[in-house]
C-alpha atoms as a PDB file:
ATOM      1  CA  MET A   1       1.497   4.365  -5.127  1.00  0.00           C
ATOM      2  CA  SER A   2       3.090   7.483  -6.602  1.00  0.00           C
ATOM      3  CA  LYS A   3       3.611  11.112  -5.694  1.00  0.00           C
ATOM      4  CA  LEU A   4       3.440  14.555  -7.241  1.00  0.00           C
ATOM      5  CA  VAL A   5       3.710  18.141  -6.054  1.00  0.00           C
ATOM      6  CA  TYR A   6       0.901  20.698  -5.855  1.00  0.00           C
ATOM      7  CA  LYS A   7       1.772  24.292  -4.908  1.00  0.00           C
ATOM      8  CA  GLY A   8       4.814  23.116  -2.987  1.00  0.00           C
ATOM      9  CA  CYS A   9       2.901  20.412  -1.126  1.00  0.00           C
ATOM     10  CA  GLU A  10       3.509  16.678  -1.397  1.00  0.00           C
ATOM     11  CA  VAL A  11       0.591  14.766  -2.912  1.00  0.00           C
ATOM     12  CA  GLU A  12       0.479  11.028  -2.228  1.00  0.00           C
ATOM     13  CA  LEU A  13      -1.545   9.091  -4.799  1.00  0.00           C
ATOM     14  CA  LYS A  14      -3.259   5.805  -3.976  1.00  0.00           C
ATOM     15  CA  TYR A  15      -4.555   4.167  -7.148  1.00  0.00           C
ATOM     16  CA  ASN A  16      -7.605   1.908  -6.963  1.00  0.00           C
ATOM     17  CA  PRO A  17      -9.343   0.999 -10.249  1.00  0.00           C
ATOM     18  CA  LYS A  18     -12.538   0.054  -8.371  1.00  0.00           C
ATOM     19  CA  LEU A  19     -13.147   3.579  -7.083  1.00  0.00           C
ATOM     20  CA  LYS A  20     -16.007   5.427  -8.753  1.00  0.00           C
ATOM     21  CA  ASN A  21     -14.964   8.806  -7.345  1.00  0.00           C
ATOM     22  CA  THR A  22     -11.733  10.546  -6.406  1.00  0.00           C
ATOM     23  CA  TYR A  23     -11.214  11.335  -2.717  1.00  0.00           C
ATOM     24  CA  ILE A  24      -8.988  14.125  -1.373  1.00  0.00           C
ATOM     25  CA  GLY A  25      -7.708  14.314   2.180  1.00  0.00           C
ATOM     26  CA  VAL A  26      -5.297  16.671   3.954  1.00  0.00           C
ATOM     27  CA  GLU A  27      -3.067  14.703   6.314  1.00  0.00           C
ATOM     28  CA  SER A  28      -0.823  17.491   7.612  1.00  0.00           C
ATOM     29  CA  ASP A  29      -0.012  21.132   6.887  1.00  0.00           C
ATOM     30  CA  ASN A  30       2.027  20.140   3.826  1.00  0.00           C
ATOM     31  CA  LYS A  31       0.715  16.751   2.673  1.00  0.00           C
ATOM     32  CA  ILE A  32      -2.321  15.794   0.598  1.00  0.00           C
ATOM     33  CA  LEU A  33      -3.641  12.266   0.077  1.00  0.00           C
ATOM     34  CA  VAL A  34      -5.579  11.437  -3.096  1.00  0.00           C
ATOM     35  CA  LYS A  35      -7.398   8.133  -3.636  1.00  0.00           C
ATOM     36  CA  THR A  36      -8.422   7.719  -7.259  1.00  0.00           C
ATOM     37  CA  SER A  37      -9.044   5.365 -10.158  1.00  0.00           C
ATOM     38  CA  SER A  38      -7.385   7.777 -12.586  1.00  0.00           C
ATOM     39  CA  LYS A  39      -3.719   7.523 -13.523  1.00  0.00           C
ATOM     40  CA  SER A  40      -3.704  10.963 -15.133  1.00  0.00           C
ATOM     41  CA  HIS A  41      -1.636  13.478 -13.190  1.00  0.00           C
ATOM     42  CA  ASP A  42      -3.180  16.311 -15.198  1.00  0.00           C
ATOM     43  CA  TYR A  43      -6.665  15.199 -14.115  1.00  0.00           C
ATOM     44  CA  ILE A  44      -5.600  15.098 -10.463  1.00  0.00           C
ATOM     45  CA  LEU A  45      -3.863  18.488 -10.578  1.00  0.00           C
ATOM     46  CA  ASN A  46      -6.938  20.053 -12.201  1.00  0.00           C
ATOM     47  CA  LEU A  47      -9.132  18.511  -9.511  1.00  0.00           C
ATOM     48  CA  LEU A  48      -6.874  19.862  -6.779  1.00  0.00           C
ATOM     49  CA  GLU A  49      -7.089  23.300  -8.348  1.00  0.00           C
ATOM     50  CA  LEU A  50     -10.891  23.087  -8.307  1.00  0.00           C
ATOM     51  CA  ARG A  51     -10.836  22.095  -4.637  1.00  0.00           C
ATOM     52  CA  ASP A  52      -8.101  24.562  -3.711  1.00  0.00           C
ATOM     53  CA  SER A  53     -10.322  26.691  -1.469  1.00  0.00           C
ATOM     54  CA  TRP A  54     -11.294  23.635   0.604  1.00  0.00           C
ATOM     55  CA  ILE A  55      -7.687  22.385   0.704  1.00  0.00           C
ATOM     56  CA  GLN A  56      -6.359  25.725   1.985  1.00  0.00           C
ATOM     57  CA  LYS A  57      -9.059  25.731   4.662  1.00  0.00           C
ATOM     58  CA  GLN A  58      -7.931  22.261   5.807  1.00  0.00           C
ATOM     59  CA  PHE A  59      -4.306  23.424   5.911  1.00  0.00           C
ATOM     60  CA  LYS A  60      -5.320  26.226   8.297  1.00  0.00           C
ATOM     61  CA  LYS A  61      -7.118  23.713  10.514  1.00  0.00           C
ATOM     62  CA  GLN A  62      -4.055  21.476  10.603  1.00  0.00           C
ATOM     63  CA  LYS A  63      -1.886  24.378  11.770  1.00  0.00           C
ATOM     64  CA  SER A  64      -4.301  25.023  14.659  1.00  0.00           C
ATOM     65  CA  TYR A  65      -3.970  21.467  15.943  1.00  0.00           C
ATOM     66  CA  LEU A  66      -1.860  20.723  18.995  1.00  0.00           C
ATOM     67  CA  SER A  67       0.772  18.092  18.403  1.00  0.00           C
ATOM     68  CA  LEU A  68       1.445  15.143  20.708  1.00  0.00           C
ATOM     69  CA  GLU A  69       4.988  14.730  19.415  1.00  0.00           C
ATOM     70  CA  MET A  70       8.118  14.611  21.561  1.00  0.00           C
ATOM     71  CA  ASN A  71      11.856  13.970  21.286  1.00  0.00           C
ATOM     72  CA  LEU A  72      12.214  10.234  21.755  1.00  0.00           C
ATOM     73  CA  GLU A  73      14.739   9.115  24.383  1.00  0.00           C
ATOM     74  CA  ASP A  74      14.928  12.674  25.764  1.00  0.00           C
ATOM     75  CA  GLU A  75      11.413  13.404  26.985  1.00  0.00           C
ATOM     76  CA  VAL A  76       8.024  11.883  27.678  1.00  0.00           C
ATOM     77  CA  LEU A  77       4.600  13.486  27.248  1.00  0.00           C
ATOM     78  CA  LEU A  78       2.322  12.491  30.120  1.00  0.00           C
ATOM     79  CA  PHE A  79      -0.980  14.225  30.929  1.00  0.00           C
ATOM     80  CA  PHE A  80       0.028  16.986  28.489  1.00  0.00           C
ATOM     81  CA  GLN A  81       3.197  17.764  30.414  1.00  0.00           C
ATOM     82  CA  LYS A  82       6.659  17.023  29.073  1.00  0.00           C
ATOM     83  CA  TYR A  83       8.925  15.160  31.469  1.00  0.00           C
ATOM     84  CA  SER A  84      12.611  14.512  31.099  1.00  0.00           C
ATOM     85  CA  ILE A  85      13.396  10.845  30.513  1.00  0.00           C
ATOM     86  CA  ASP A  86      15.330  11.084  33.820  1.00  0.00           C
ATOM     87  CA  SER A  87      12.192  11.990  35.789  1.00  0.00           C
ATOM     88  CA  GLU A  88      10.896   9.661  38.465  1.00  0.00           C
ATOM     89  CA  GLU A  89       7.435   9.692  36.873  1.00  0.00           C
ATOM     90  CA  VAL A  90       8.740   7.759  33.858  1.00  0.00           C
ATOM     91  CA  SER A  91      11.319   5.521  35.542  1.00  0.00           C
ATOM     92  CA  SER A  92       9.755   2.323  34.158  1.00  0.00           C
ATOM     93  CA  LEU A  93      10.185   3.582  30.594  1.00  0.00           C
ATOM     94  CA  ARG A  94      13.728   4.738  31.254  1.00  0.00           C
ATOM     95  CA  ASN A  95      14.649   1.311  32.628  1.00  0.00           C
ATOM     96  CA  ARG A  96      13.243  -0.426  29.555  1.00  0.00           C
ATOM     97  CA  LEU A  97      15.152   1.850  27.212  1.00  0.00           C
ATOM     98  CA  HIS A  98      18.381   1.184  29.088  1.00  0.00           C
ATOM     99  CA  LYS A  99      17.887  -2.557  28.679  1.00  0.00           C
ATOM    100  CA  LEU A 100      17.707  -2.368  24.893  1.00  0.00           C
ATOM    101  CA  ARG A 101      20.698  -4.209  23.457  1.00  0.00           C
ATOM    102  CA  VAL A 102      20.100  -2.959  19.934  1.00  0.00           C
ATOM    103  CA  THR A 103      18.406   0.420  19.518  1.00  0.00           C
ATOM    104  CA  SER A 104      16.269   1.332  16.550  1.00  0.00           C
ATOM    105  CA  PRO A 105      13.402   3.801  16.089  1.00  0.00           C
ATOM    106  CA  GLN A 106      10.973   0.865  16.009  1.00  0.00           C
ATOM    107  CA  LYS A 107      12.216  -0.669  19.274  1.00  0.00           C
ATOM    108  CA  ILE A 108      12.324   2.686  21.014  1.00  0.00           C
ATOM    109  CA  MET A 109       8.772   3.450  19.908  1.00  0.00           C
ATOM    110  CA  LYS A 110       7.670   0.020  21.129  1.00  0.00           C
ATOM    111  CA  CYS A 111       9.025   0.885  24.591  1.00  0.00           C
ATOM    112  CA  TYR A 112       7.043   4.138  24.569  1.00  0.00           C
ATOM    113  CA  ASP A 113       3.874   2.407  23.363  1.00  0.00           C
ATOM    114  CA  ASP A 114       4.152  -0.236  26.085  1.00  0.00           C
ATOM    115  CA  PHE A 115       4.702   2.479  28.687  1.00  0.00           C
ATOM    116  CA  TYR A 116       1.531   4.289  27.645  1.00  0.00           C
ATOM    117  CA  LYS A 117      -0.472   1.063  27.499  1.00  0.00           C
ATOM    118  CA  ASN A 118       0.626   0.044  31.002  1.00  0.00           C
ATOM    119  CA  SER A 119      -0.084   3.537  32.326  1.00  0.00           C
ATOM    120  CA  ALA A 120      -3.507   3.531  30.656  1.00  0.00           C
ATOM    121  CA  ALA A 121      -4.411   0.159  32.176  1.00  0.00           C
ATOM    122  CA  VAL A 122      -3.963   1.703  35.615  1.00  0.00           C
ATOM    123  CA  TYR A 123      -5.160   5.302  35.231  1.00  0.00           C
ATOM    124  CA  LEU A 124      -8.008   4.847  32.737  1.00  0.00           C
ATOM    125  CA  LYS A 125      -9.381   1.833  34.631  1.00  0.00           C
ATOM    126  CA  GLU A 126      -9.433   3.935  37.801  1.00  0.00           C
ATOM    127  CA  ARG A 127     -11.319   6.779  36.088  1.00  0.00           C
ATOM    128  CA  ALA A 128     -13.732   4.377  34.380  1.00  0.00           C
ATOM    129  CA  ASP A 129     -14.530   2.679  37.695  1.00  0.00           C
ATOM    130  CA  TYR A 130     -15.083   6.056  39.341  1.00  0.00           C
ATOM    131  CA  TYR A 131     -17.503   7.386  36.720  1.00  0.00           C
ATOM    132  CA  SER A 132     -19.162   4.005  36.210  1.00  0.00           C
ATOM    133  CA  LYS A 133     -20.305   3.996  39.839  1.00  0.00           C
ATOM    134  CA  LYS A 134     -21.240   7.677  39.700  1.00  0.00           C
ATOM    135  CA  MET A 135     -23.353   7.223  36.541  1.00  0.00           C
ATOM    136  CA  GLY A 136     -24.795   3.847  37.519  1.00  0.00           C
ATOM    137  CA  LEU A 137     -23.575   2.284  34.265  1.00  0.00           C
ATOM    138  CA  VAL A 138     -21.726  -1.028  34.083  1.00  0.00           C
ATOM    139  CA  PHE A 139     -19.243  -2.114  31.412  1.00  0.00           C
ATOM    140  CA  ASP A 140     -18.021  -5.675  30.881  1.00  0.00           C
ATOM    141  CA  ILE A 141     -14.464  -5.256  29.620  1.00  0.00           C
ATOM    142  CA  ILE A 142     -12.016  -2.420  29.052  1.00  0.00           C
ATOM    143  CA  LYS A 143      -9.388  -2.752  26.338  1.00  0.00           C
ATOM    144  CA  TYR A 144      -6.413  -0.512  25.631  1.00  0.00           C
ATOM    145  CA  ARG A 145      -4.711  -0.034  22.274  1.00  0.00           C
ATOM    146  CA  LYS A 146      -3.033   2.630  20.197  1.00  0.00           C
ATOM    147  CA  MET A 147      -5.439   4.010  17.592  1.00  0.00           C
ATOM    148  CA  LYS A 148      -4.981   6.479  14.745  1.00  0.00           C
ATOM    149  CA  SER A 149      -8.406   8.022  14.316  1.00  0.00           C
ATOM    150  CA  ARG A 150     -10.380   7.983  17.571  1.00  0.00           C
ATOM    151  CA  TRP A 151      -9.935   8.336  21.297  1.00  0.00           C
ATOM    152  CA  GLY A 152     -12.238   5.537  22.337  1.00  0.00           C
ATOM    153  CA  SER A 153     -15.177   3.312  21.447  1.00  0.00           C
ATOM    154  CA  CYS A 154     -17.994   1.402  23.115  1.00  0.00           C
ATOM    155  CA  SER A 155     -19.531  -1.703  21.542  1.00  0.00           C
ATOM    156  CA  SER A 156     -23.074  -3.015  21.924  1.00  0.00           C
ATOM    157  CA  ASN A 157     -21.741  -5.893  24.041  1.00  0.00           C
ATOM    158  CA  ARG A 158     -20.480  -3.383  26.628  1.00  0.00           C
ATOM    159  CA  ILE A 159     -16.807  -3.509  25.707  1.00  0.00           C
ATOM    160  CA  ILE A 160     -15.040  -0.145  26.022  1.00  0.00           C
ATOM    161  CA  THR A 161     -11.782   0.462  24.188  1.00  0.00           C
ATOM    162  CA  PHE A 162      -9.536   3.392  25.050  1.00  0.00           C
ATOM    163  CA  ASN A 163      -6.763   4.817  22.895  1.00  0.00           C
ATOM    164  CA  THR A 164      -3.512   4.585  24.873  1.00  0.00           C
ATOM    165  CA  GLU A 165      -2.532   7.970  23.365  1.00  0.00           C
ATOM    166  CA  LEU A 166      -4.991   9.448  25.873  1.00  0.00           C
ATOM    167  CA  MET A 167      -2.209   9.315  28.432  1.00  0.00           C
ATOM    168  CA  LYS A 168      -0.600  12.225  26.572  1.00  0.00           C
ATOM    169  CA  VAL A 169      -3.513  14.654  26.987  1.00  0.00           C
ATOM    170  CA  ASP A 170      -4.798  16.724  29.906  1.00  0.00           C
ATOM    171  CA  LYS A 171      -6.627  14.839  32.674  1.00  0.00           C
ATOM    172  CA  ASN A 172      -9.824  16.855  32.089  1.00  0.00           C
ATOM    173  CA  LEU A 173      -9.898  15.651  28.480  1.00  0.00           C
ATOM    174  CA  ILE A 174      -9.292  12.073  29.609  1.00  0.00           C
ATOM    175  CA  ASP A 175     -12.309  12.316  31.902  1.00  0.00           C
ATOM    176  CA  TYR A 176     -14.367  13.603  28.983  1.00  0.00           C
ATOM    177  CA  VAL A 177     -13.511  10.545  26.872  1.00  0.00           C
ATOM    178  CA  VAL A 178     -14.222   8.209  29.796  1.00  0.00           C
ATOM    179  CA  VAL A 179     -17.649   9.746  30.454  1.00  0.00           C
ATOM    180  CA  HIS A 180     -18.351   9.894  26.707  1.00  0.00           C
ATOM    181  CA  GLU A 181     -17.760   6.174  26.238  1.00  0.00           C
ATOM    182  CA  LEU A 182     -19.649   5.225  29.404  1.00  0.00           C
ATOM    183  CA  ALA A 183     -22.627   7.280  28.201  1.00  0.00           C
ATOM    184  CA  HIS A 184     -22.746   5.043  25.113  1.00  0.00           C
ATOM    185  CA  LEU A 185     -23.716   2.173  27.410  1.00  0.00           C
ATOM    186  CA  LYS A 186     -27.088   3.932  27.676  1.00  0.00           C
ATOM    187  CA  HIS A 187     -27.246   5.741  24.332  1.00  0.00           C
ATOM    188  CA  MET A 188     -25.502   4.059  21.383  1.00  0.00           C
ATOM    189  CA  ASN A 189     -25.636   7.301  19.391  1.00  0.00           C
ATOM    190  CA  HIS A 190     -24.793  10.985  19.654  1.00  0.00           C
ATOM    191  CA  SER A 191     -28.324  12.175  20.243  1.00  0.00           C
ATOM    192  CA  LYS A 192     -29.419  15.120  22.364  1.00  0.00           C
ATOM    193  CA  ASP A 193     -30.091  12.715  25.250  1.00  0.00           C
ATOM    194  CA  PHE A 194     -26.566  11.344  24.918  1.00  0.00           C
ATOM    195  CA  HIS A 195     -24.922  14.764  25.122  1.00  0.00           C
ATOM    196  CA  SER A 196     -27.230  15.745  28.009  1.00  0.00           C
ATOM    197  CA  LEU A 197     -26.067  12.675  29.923  1.00  0.00           C
ATOM    198  CA  VAL A 198     -22.416  13.532  29.336  1.00  0.00           C
ATOM    199  CA  GLU A 199     -23.022  17.132  30.393  1.00  0.00           C
ATOM    200  CA  GLN A 200     -24.831  15.974  33.543  1.00  0.00           C
ATOM    201  CA  TYR A 201     -21.725  14.229  34.840  1.00  0.00           C
ATOM    202  CA  LEU A 202     -19.122  16.448  33.216  1.00  0.00           C
ATOM    203  CA  PRO A 203     -20.231  20.117  33.074  1.00  0.00           C
ATOM    204  CA  GLY A 204     -18.531  22.037  30.269  1.00  0.00           C
ATOM    205  CA  SER A 205     -18.319  18.923  28.113  1.00  0.00           C
ATOM    206  CA  LYS A 206     -18.896  20.871  24.894  1.00  0.00           C
ATOM    207  CA  LYS A 207     -15.753  22.932  25.501  1.00  0.00           C
ATOM    208  CA  LEU A 208     -13.761  19.812  26.346  1.00  0.00           C
ATOM    209  CA  ARG A 209     -14.982  18.112  23.174  1.00  0.00           C
ATOM    210  CA  SER A 210     -13.851  21.109  21.137  1.00  0.00           C
ATOM    211  CA  GLU A 211     -10.397  21.068  22.762  1.00  0.00           C
ATOM    212  CA  LEU A 212     -10.023  17.377  22.033  1.00  0.00           C
ATOM    213  CA  LYS A 213     -10.785  17.943  18.341  1.00  0.00           C
ATOM    214  CA  HIS A 214      -7.796  20.269  18.107  1.00  0.00           C
ATOM    215  CA  ILE A 215      -5.307  17.643  19.175  1.00  0.00           C
ATOM    216  CA  ARG A 216      -3.633  15.781  16.331  1.00  0.00           C
ATOM    217  CA  LEU A 217      -3.577  12.033  16.857  1.00  0.00           C
ATOM    218  CA  ARG A 218      -1.028  11.106  14.190  1.00  0.00           C
END
């Protein structure tokens, strides 16, 4: 893996000789990821220049995204509200942080991740049970884990997985993801019937889906 600079932006290169094409992705408002089989920096820079219009468009999208970041050890983002680490709402996390004998960014982040997973196991299960009964749809298992690219999933064997990062967003958006995944128990696609089912139990779902797309997971 190597790096270069394009118009003041960091370009991370991932070399793979098996790739037939070169793939460009914009990961943030100042970072570009390029997967390629070419080792020529001139080739890559020329390609970036050719795709510059698309790249600039992606940069604008990135700037419109809402970030889920916070100052670790000082605050906690819960239901899209920032709480002080001293707040009663996050006492379990505060207690865990105080018990750390050796602090490091990794251990601190692990405390936060565990806090969100435990919170998700309570809150998301409650919302899933509520909408499951309302929609007349039954799941077998709910799993909770931190994911980088999606808010949830539903498998053909009726296992629903929720991203624990959901605990950081607004409760209305959480309900949208819950209903969305439950609807997949009936429609394993994103067909018109699927979206109609979601809308039936969550009016204004299209607006909620749009809001969710503007939240940056990373």
